Amino acid sequence: MFNLLLVILTFSSPILIGIFISKYFKYKSELNDQLQQLRKEIDGKNTVELQKEVELLRDRTEVLERIVTDSKFDLDQKVSKLA
């Protein structure tokens, strides 16, 4: 009886190990896919936020350039509009 158990374990162990290894790599692959999707979502959101911030900074730079270059510019009025 013990010999039969050893024979069964001998032939089934490599099969079970192969199944466990394939399940593990499938799990790792799915996990990496999910991680890549999350990174893409994060990068997409950051890009939109950065574009908005760049546009805001461009507008502010244009106002400051007008203040510096225009000699007839009413400085007090523009500064109060910025605040």
PDB file of N, CA and C in Angstrom:
ATOM      1  N   MET A   1       0.820  -1.198   0.000  1.00  0.00           N
ATOM      2  CA  MET A   1       0.000   0.000   0.000  1.00  0.00           C
ATOM      3  C   MET A   1       0.868   1.267   0.000  1.00  0.00           C
ATOM      4  N   PHE A   2       1.924   1.224   0.802  1.00  0.00           N
ATOM      5  CA  PHE A   2       2.821   2.367   0.877  1.00  0.00           C
ATOM      6  C   PHE A   2       3.536   2.594  -0.455  1.00  0.00           C
ATOM      7  N   ASN A   3       3.877   1.508  -1.128  1.00  0.00           N
ATOM      8  CA  ASN A   3       4.546   1.616  -2.428  1.00  0.00           C
ATOM      9  C   ASN A   3       3.638   2.273  -3.462  1.00  0.00           C
ATOM     10  N   LEU A   4       2.363   1.966  -3.404  1.00  0.00           N
ATOM     11  CA  LEU A   4       1.406   2.576  -4.331  1.00  0.00           C
ATOM     12  C   LEU A   4       1.309   4.080  -4.096  1.00  0.00           C
ATOM     13  N   LEU A   5       1.306   4.472  -2.828  1.00  0.00           N
ATOM     14  CA  LEU A   5       1.263   5.895  -2.479  1.00  0.00           C
ATOM     15  C   LEU A   5       2.508   6.614  -3.001  1.00  0.00           C
ATOM     16  N   LEU A   6       3.662   5.991  -2.856  1.00  0.00           N
ATOM     17  CA  LEU A   6       4.896   6.597  -3.358  1.00  0.00           C
ATOM     18  C   LEU A   6       4.881   6.740  -4.875  1.00  0.00           C
ATOM     19  N   VAL A   7       4.361   5.768  -5.567  1.00  0.00           N
ATOM     20  CA  VAL A   7       4.273   5.835  -7.027  1.00  0.00           C
ATOM     21  C   VAL A   7       3.330   6.955  -7.446  1.00  0.00           C
ATOM     22  N   ILE A   8       2.190   7.055  -6.771  1.00  0.00           N
ATOM     23  CA  ILE A   8       1.222   8.116  -7.093  1.00  0.00           C
ATOM     24  C   ILE A   8       1.837   9.488  -6.831  1.00  0.00           C
ATOM     25  N   LEU A   9       2.506   9.648  -5.690  1.00  0.00           N
ATOM     26  CA  LEU A   9       3.152  10.927  -5.374  1.00  0.00           C
ATOM     27  C   LEU A   9       4.267  11.250  -6.364  1.00  0.00           C
ATOM     28  N   THR A  10       5.001  10.248  -6.777  1.00  0.00           N
ATOM     29  CA  THR A  10       6.102  10.456  -7.714  1.00  0.00           C
ATOM     30  C   THR A  10       5.603  10.981  -9.057  1.00  0.00           C
ATOM     31  N   PHE A  11       4.504  10.439  -9.532  1.00  0.00           N
ATOM     32  CA  PHE A  11       3.995  10.869 -10.835  1.00  0.00           C
ATOM     33  C   PHE A  11       3.112  12.119 -10.755  1.00  0.00           C
ATOM     34  N   SER A  12       2.465  12.329  -9.626  1.00  0.00           N
ATOM     35  CA  SER A  12       1.567  13.486  -9.531  1.00  0.00           C
ATOM     36  C   SER A  12       2.286  14.757  -9.081  1.00  0.00           C
ATOM     37  N   SER A  13       3.406  14.635  -8.386  1.00  0.00           N
ATOM     38  CA  SER A  13       4.123  15.818  -7.896  1.00  0.00           C
ATOM     39  C   SER A  13       4.567  16.750  -9.020  1.00  0.00           C
ATOM     40  N   PRO A  14       5.216  16.267 -10.068  1.00  0.00           N
ATOM     41  CA  PRO A  14       5.609  17.193 -11.145  1.00  0.00           C
ATOM     42  C   PRO A  14       4.406  17.863 -11.814  1.00  0.00           C
ATOM     43  N   ILE A  15       3.322  17.130 -11.934  1.00  0.00           N
ATOM     44  CA  ILE A  15       2.123  17.709 -12.546  1.00  0.00           C
ATOM     45  C   ILE A  15       1.569  18.815 -11.662  1.00  0.00           C
ATOM     46  N   LEU A  16       1.481  18.547 -10.349  1.00  0.00           N
ATOM     47  CA  LEU A  16       0.971  19.561  -9.425  1.00  0.00           C
ATOM     48  C   LEU A  16       1.894  20.775  -9.361  1.00  0.00           C
ATOM     49  N   ILE A  17       3.189  20.526  -9.357  1.00  0.00           N
ATOM     50  CA  ILE A  17       4.141  21.643  -9.346  1.00  0.00           C
ATOM     51  C   ILE A  17       3.991  22.469 -10.622  1.00  0.00           C
ATOM     52  N   GLY A  18       3.828  21.815 -11.755  1.00  0.00           N
ATOM     53  CA  GLY A  18       3.617  22.533 -13.017  1.00  0.00           C
ATOM     54  C   GLY A  18       2.352  23.372 -12.986  1.00  0.00           C
ATOM     55  N   ILE A  19       1.289  22.835 -12.412  1.00  0.00           N
ATOM     56  CA  ILE A  19       0.030  23.582 -12.309  1.00  0.00           C
ATOM     57  C   ILE A  19       0.214  24.804 -11.422  1.00  0.00           C
ATOM     58  N   PHE A  20       0.867  24.619 -10.267  1.00  0.00           N
ATOM     59  CA  PHE A  20       1.084  25.744  -9.365  1.00  0.00           C
ATOM     60  C   PHE A  20       1.939  26.827 -10.012  1.00  0.00           C
ATOM     61  N   ILE A  21       2.973  26.421 -10.726  1.00  0.00           N
ATOM     62  CA  ILE A  21       3.848  27.398 -11.384  1.00  0.00           C
ATOM     63  C   ILE A  21       3.085  28.160 -12.467  1.00  0.00           C
ATOM     64  N   SER A  22       2.293  27.470 -13.262  1.00  0.00           N
ATOM     65  CA  SER A  22       1.542  28.159 -14.317  1.00  0.00           C
ATOM     66  C   SER A  22       0.510  29.111 -13.720  1.00  0.00           C
ATOM     67  N   LYS A  23      -0.142  28.709 -12.633  1.00  0.00           N
ATOM     68  CA  LYS A  23      -1.102  29.606 -11.962  1.00  0.00           C
ATOM     69  C   LYS A  23      -0.388  30.841 -11.416  1.00  0.00           C
ATOM     70  N   TYR A  24       0.799  30.644 -10.858  1.00  0.00           N
ATOM     71  CA  TYR A  24       1.555  31.756 -10.305  1.00  0.00           C
ATOM     72  C   TYR A  24       1.913  32.766 -11.393  1.00  0.00           C
ATOM     73  N   PHE A  25       2.423  32.284 -12.522  1.00  0.00           N
ATOM     74  CA  PHE A  25       2.808  33.205 -13.591  1.00  0.00           C
ATOM     75  C   PHE A  25       1.593  33.880 -14.223  1.00  0.00           C
ATOM     76  N   LYS A  26       0.481  33.193 -14.285  1.00  0.00           N
ATOM     77  CA  LYS A  26      -0.746  33.809 -14.783  1.00  0.00           C
ATOM     78  C   LYS A  26      -1.192  34.921 -13.837  1.00  0.00           C
ATOM     79  N   TYR A  27      -1.120  34.666 -12.544  1.00  0.00           N
ATOM     80  CA  TYR A  27      -1.467  35.679 -11.540  1.00  0.00           C
ATOM     81  C   TYR A  27      -0.545  36.888 -11.652  1.00  0.00           C
ATOM     82  N   LYS A  28       0.770  36.655 -11.775  1.00  0.00           N
ATOM     83  CA  LYS A  28       1.719  37.758 -11.907  1.00  0.00           C
ATOM     84  C   LYS A  28       1.443  38.573 -13.163  1.00  0.00           C
ATOM     85  N   SER A  29       1.089  37.918 -14.249  1.00  0.00           N
ATOM     86  CA  SER A  29       0.793  38.605 -15.498  1.00  0.00           C
ATOM     87  C   SER A  29      -0.444  39.489 -15.353  1.00  0.00           C
ATOM     88  N   GLU A  30      -1.487  38.964 -14.741  1.00  0.00           N
ATOM     89  CA  GLU A  30      -2.703  39.753 -14.523  1.00  0.00           C
ATOM     90  C   GLU A  30      -2.426  40.932 -13.606  1.00  0.00           C
ATOM     91  N   LEU A  31      -1.626  40.716 -12.581  1.00  0.00           N
ATOM     92  CA  LEU A  31      -1.288  41.786 -11.651  1.00  0.00           C
ATOM     93  C   LEU A  31      -0.496  42.891 -12.353  1.00  0.00           C
ATOM     94  N   ASN A  32       0.438  42.516 -13.217  1.00  0.00           N
ATOM     95  CA  ASN A  32       1.208  43.506 -13.976  1.00  0.00           C
ATOM     96  C   ASN A  32       0.316  44.281 -14.941  1.00  0.00           C
ATOM     97  N   ASP A  33      -0.647  43.621 -15.555  1.00  0.00           N
ATOM     98  CA  ASP A  33      -1.582  44.308 -16.447  1.00  0.00           C
ATOM     99  C   ASP A  33      -2.399  45.346 -15.684  1.00  0.00           C
ATOM    100  N   GLN A  34      -2.876  44.977 -14.508  1.00  0.00           N
ATOM    101  CA  GLN A  34      -3.645  45.915 -13.694  1.00  0.00           C
ATOM    102  C   GLN A  34      -2.778  47.091 -13.268  1.00  0.00           C
ATOM    103  N   LEU A  35      -1.536  46.820 -12.916  1.00  0.00           N
ATOM    104  CA  LEU A  35      -0.624  47.879 -12.510  1.00  0.00           C
ATOM    105  C   LEU A  35      -0.359  48.847 -13.664  1.00  0.00           C
ATOM    106  N   GLN A  36      -0.189  48.335 -14.858  1.00  0.00           N
ATOM    107  CA  GLN A  36       0.026  49.192 -16.025  1.00  0.00           C
ATOM    108  C   GLN A  36      -1.197  50.050 -16.317  1.00  0.00           C
ATOM    109  N   GLN A  37      -2.390  49.498 -16.168  1.00  0.00           N
ATOM    110  CA  GLN A  37      -3.612  50.272 -16.382  1.00  0.00           C
ATOM    111  C   GLN A  37      -3.710  51.400 -15.368  1.00  0.00           C
ATOM    112  N   LEU A  38      -3.401  51.122 -14.113  1.00  0.00           N
ATOM    113  CA  LEU A  38      -3.444  52.158 -13.085  1.00  0.00           C
ATOM    114  C   LEU A  38      -2.417  53.251 -13.360  1.00  0.00           C
ATOM    115  N   ARG A  39      -1.239  52.863 -13.809  1.00  0.00           N
ATOM    116  CA  ARG A  39      -0.215  53.868 -14.123  1.00  0.00           C
ATOM    117  C   ARG A  39      -0.652  54.752 -15.282  1.00  0.00           C
ATOM    118  N   LYS A  40      -1.297  54.167 -16.282  1.00  0.00           N
ATOM    119  CA  LYS A  40      -1.791  54.961 -17.412  1.00  0.00           C
ATOM    120  C   LYS A  40      -2.852  55.949 -16.955  1.00  0.00           C
ATOM    121  N   GLU A  41      -3.757  55.520 -16.072  1.00  0.00           N
ATOM    122  CA  GLU A  41      -4.790  56.417 -15.561  1.00  0.00           C
ATOM    123  C   GLU A  41      -4.167  57.563 -14.783  1.00  0.00           C
ATOM    124  N   ILE A  42      -3.181  57.247 -13.952  1.00  0.00           N
ATOM    125  CA  ILE A  42      -2.526  58.280 -13.156  1.00  0.00           C
ATOM    126  C   ILE A  42      -1.794  59.258 -14.065  1.00  0.00           C
ATOM    127  N   ASP A  43      -1.069  58.756 -15.051  1.00  0.00           N
ATOM    128  CA  ASP A  43      -0.344  59.626 -15.975  1.00  0.00           C
ATOM    129  C   ASP A  43      -1.301  60.507 -16.766  1.00  0.00           C
ATOM    130  N   GLY A  44      -2.433  59.971 -17.175  1.00  0.00           N
ATOM    131  CA  GLY A  44      -3.420  60.747 -17.921  1.00  0.00           C
ATOM    132  C   GLY A  44      -3.974  61.889 -17.097  1.00  0.00           C
ATOM    133  N   LYS A  45      -4.276  61.622 -15.838  1.00  0.00           N
ATOM    134  CA  LYS A  45      -4.800  62.664 -14.959  1.00  0.00           C
ATOM    135  C   LYS A  45      -3.741  63.724 -14.698  1.00  0.00           C
ATOM    136  N   ASN A  46      -2.511  63.312 -14.472  1.00  0.00           N
ATOM    137  CA  ASN A  46      -1.443  64.268 -14.220  1.00  0.00           C
ATOM    138  C   ASN A  46      -1.199  65.151 -15.431  1.00  0.00           C
ATOM    139  N   THR A  47      -1.304  64.602 -16.617  1.00  0.00           N
ATOM    140  CA  THR A  47      -1.082  65.375 -17.832  1.00  0.00           C
ATOM    141  C   THR A  47      -2.119  66.479 -17.967  1.00  0.00           C
ATOM    142  N   VAL A  48      -3.377  66.170 -17.716  1.00  0.00           N
ATOM    143  CA  VAL A  48      -4.439  67.171 -17.817  1.00  0.00           C
ATOM    144  C   VAL A  48      -4.232  68.265 -16.778  1.00  0.00           C
ATOM    145  N   GLU A  49      -3.907  67.876 -15.555  1.00  0.00           N
ATOM    146  CA  GLU A  49      -3.680  68.863 -14.503  1.00  0.00           C
ATOM    147  C   GLU A  49      -2.486  69.749 -14.830  1.00  0.00           C
ATOM    148  N   LEU A  50      -1.430  69.162 -15.347  1.00  0.00           N
ATOM    149  CA  LEU A  50      -0.249  69.944 -15.697  1.00  0.00           C
ATOM    150  C   LEU A  50      -0.534  70.900 -16.854  1.00  0.00           C
ATOM    151  N   GLN A  51      -1.336  70.484 -17.815  1.00  0.00           N
ATOM    152  CA  GLN A  51      -1.688  71.371 -18.925  1.00  0.00           C
ATOM    153  C   GLN A  51      -2.489  72.568 -18.424  1.00  0.00           C
ATOM    154  N   LYS A  52      -3.395  72.346 -17.490  1.00  0.00           N
ATOM    155  CA  LYS A  52      -4.170  73.450 -16.920  1.00  0.00           C
ATOM    156  C   LYS A  52      -3.263  74.413 -16.169  1.00  0.00           C
ATOM    157  N   GLU A  53      -2.314  73.862 -15.412  1.00  0.00           N
ATOM    158  CA  GLU A  53      -1.406  74.708 -14.655  1.00  0.00           C
ATOM    159  C   GLU A  53      -0.506  75.519 -15.585  1.00  0.00           C
ATOM    160  N   VAL A  54      -0.044  74.913 -16.665  1.00  0.00           N
ATOM    161  CA  VAL A  54       0.791  75.624 -17.635  1.00  0.00           C
ATOM    162  C   VAL A  54       0.001  76.767 -18.269  1.00  0.00           C
ATOM    163  N   GLU A  55      -1.252  76.519 -18.615  1.00  0.00           N
ATOM    164  CA  GLU A  55      -2.086  77.570 -19.207  1.00  0.00           C
ATOM    165  C   GLU A  55      -2.274  78.731 -18.231  1.00  0.00           C
ATOM    166  N   LEU A  56      -2.508  78.414 -16.966  1.00  0.00           N
ATOM    167  CA  LEU A  56      -2.661  79.451 -15.947  1.00  0.00           C
ATOM    168  C   LEU A  56      -1.374  80.258 -15.807  1.00  0.00           C
ATOM    169  N   LEU A  57      -0.246  79.588 -15.800  1.00  0.00           N
ATOM    170  CA  LEU A  57       1.031  80.289 -15.678  1.00  0.00           C
ATOM    171  C   LEU A  57       1.329  81.147 -16.909  1.00  0.00           C
ATOM    172  N   ARG A  58       0.930  80.699 -18.077  1.00  0.00           N
ATOM    173  CA  ARG A  58       1.108  81.517 -19.286  1.00  0.00           C
ATOM    174  C   ARG A  58       0.290  82.800 -19.197  1.00  0.00           C
ATOM    175  N   ASP A  59      -0.947  82.666 -18.736  1.00  0.00           N
ATOM    176  CA  ASP A  59      -1.790  83.856 -18.589  1.00  0.00           C
ATOM    177  C   ASP A  59      -1.168  84.843 -17.608  1.00  0.00           C
ATOM    178  N   ARG A  60      -0.680  84.341 -16.504  1.00  0.00           N
ATOM    179  CA  ARG A  60      -0.066  85.219 -15.508  1.00  0.00           C
ATOM    180  C   ARG A  60       1.199  85.866 -16.059  1.00  0.00           C
ATOM    181  N   THR A  61       1.972  85.116 -16.837  1.00  0.00           N
ATOM    182  CA  THR A  61       3.191  85.662 -17.429  1.00  0.00           C
ATOM    183  C   THR A  61       2.864  86.771 -18.425  1.00  0.00           C
ATOM    184  N   GLU A  62       1.811  86.592 -19.205  1.00  0.00           N
ATOM    185  CA  GLU A  62       1.405  87.635 -20.153  1.00  0.00           C
ATOM    186  C   GLU A  62       1.039  88.920 -19.423  1.00  0.00           C
ATOM    187  N   VAL A  63       0.323  88.800 -18.324  1.00  0.00           N
ATOM    188  CA  VAL A  63      -0.053  89.987 -17.550  1.00  0.00           C
ATOM    189  C   VAL A  63       1.196  90.667 -16.998  1.00  0.00           C
ATOM    190  N   LEU A  64       2.109  89.896 -16.467  1.00  0.00           N
ATOM    191  CA  LEU A  64       3.336  90.481 -15.921  1.00  0.00           C
ATOM    192  C   LEU A  64       4.190  91.123 -17.013  1.00  0.00           C
ATOM    193  N   GLU A  65       4.227  90.533 -18.195  1.00  0.00           N
ATOM    194  CA  GLU A  65       4.971  91.139 -19.302  1.00  0.00           C
ATOM    195  C   GLU A  65       4.347  92.463 -19.708  1.00  0.00           C
ATOM    196  N   ARG A  66       3.022  92.520 -19.707  1.00  0.00           N
ATOM    197  CA  ARG A  66       2.361  93.789 -20.039  1.00  0.00           C
ATOM    198  C   ARG A  66       2.674  94.852 -18.993  1.00  0.00           C
ATOM    199  N   ILE A  67       2.728  94.455 -17.727  1.00  0.00           N
ATOM    200  CA  ILE A  67       3.040  95.412 -16.664  1.00  0.00           C
ATOM    201  C   ILE A  67       4.442  95.978 -16.864  1.00  0.00           C
ATOM    202  N   VAL A  68       5.384  95.131 -17.190  1.00  0.00           N
ATOM    203  CA  VAL A  68       6.779  95.556 -17.313  1.00  0.00           C
ATOM    204  C   VAL A  68       7.005  96.374 -18.572  1.00  0.00           C
ATOM    205  N   THR A  69       6.377  96.034 -19.676  1.00  0.00           N
ATOM    206  CA  THR A  69       6.697  96.674 -20.954  1.00  0.00           C
ATOM    207  C   THR A  69       5.857  97.904 -21.272  1.00  0.00           C
ATOM    208  N   ASP A  70       4.682  98.040 -20.718  1.00  0.00           N
ATOM    209  CA  ASP A  70       3.808  99.165 -21.057  1.00  0.00           C
ATOM    210  C   ASP A  70       4.057 100.322 -20.099  1.00  0.00           C
ATOM    211  N   SER A  71       4.525 101.454 -20.642  1.00  0.00           N
ATOM    212  CA  SER A  71       4.836 102.609 -19.795  1.00  0.00           C
ATOM    213  C   SER A  71       3.579 103.327 -19.326  1.00  0.00           C
ATOM    214  N   LYS A  72       2.458 103.215 -20.054  1.00  0.00           N
ATOM    215  CA  LYS A  72       1.219 103.893 -19.679  1.00  0.00           C
ATOM    216  C   LYS A  72       0.314 102.991 -18.835  1.00  0.00           C
ATOM    217  N   PHE A  73       0.853 101.964 -18.357  1.00  0.00           N
ATOM    218  CA  PHE A  73       0.069 100.957 -17.652  1.00  0.00           C
ATOM    219  C   PHE A  73      -0.248 101.430 -16.243  1.00  0.00           C
ATOM    220  N   ASP A  74      -1.488 101.282 -15.851  1.00  0.00           N
ATOM    221  CA  ASP A  74      -1.883 101.659 -14.500  1.00  0.00           C
ATOM    222  C   ASP A  74      -1.600 100.473 -13.578  1.00  0.00           C
ATOM    223  N   LEU A  75      -0.469 100.543 -12.923  1.00  0.00           N
ATOM    224  CA  LEU A  75       0.026  99.421 -12.137  1.00  0.00           C
ATOM    225  C   LEU A  75      -0.907  99.064 -10.987  1.00  0.00           C
ATOM    226  N   ASP A  76      -1.393 100.045 -10.295  1.00  0.00           N
ATOM    227  CA  ASP A  76      -2.263  99.757  -9.143  1.00  0.00           C
ATOM    228  C   ASP A  76      -3.532  99.026  -9.568  1.00  0.00           C
ATOM    229  N   GLN A  77      -4.094  99.413 -10.693  1.00  0.00           N
ATOM    230  CA  GLN A  77      -5.332  98.789 -11.162  1.00  0.00           C
ATOM    231  C   GLN A  77      -5.100  97.323 -11.527  1.00  0.00           C
ATOM    232  N   LYS A  78      -4.026  97.018 -12.237  1.00  0.00           N
ATOM    233  CA  LYS A  78      -3.756  95.641 -12.648  1.00  0.00           C
ATOM    234  C   LYS A  78      -3.389  94.753 -11.452  1.00  0.00           C
ATOM    235  N   VAL A  79      -2.646  95.310 -10.501  1.00  0.00           N
ATOM    236  CA  VAL A  79      -2.283  94.525  -9.318  1.00  0.00           C
ATOM    237  C   VAL A  79      -3.533  94.185  -8.521  1.00  0.00           C
ATOM    238  N   SER A  80      -4.455  95.123  -8.406  1.00  0.00           N
ATOM    239  CA  SER A  80      -5.687  94.836  -7.667  1.00  0.00           C
ATOM    240  C   SER A  80      -6.545  93.812  -8.399  1.00  0.00           C
ATOM    241  N   LYS A  81      -6.492  93.769  -9.730  1.00  0.00           N
ATOM    242  CA  LYS A  81      -7.228  92.756 -10.488  1.00  0.00           C
ATOM    243  C   LYS A  81      -6.618  91.369 -10.299  1.00  0.00           C
ATOM    244  N   LEU A  82      -5.297  91.294 -10.132  1.00  0.00           N
ATOM    245  CA  LEU A  82      -4.636  90.007  -9.931  1.00  0.00           C
ATOM    246  C   LEU A  82      -4.996  89.389  -8.582  1.00  0.00           C
ATOM    247  N   ALA A  83      -5.193  90.200  -7.599  1.00  0.00           N
ATOM    248  CA  ALA A  83      -5.454  89.677  -6.241  1.00  0.00           C
ATOM    249  C   ALA A  83      -6.833  89.149  -6.066  1.00  0.00           C
TER     250      ALA A  83
END
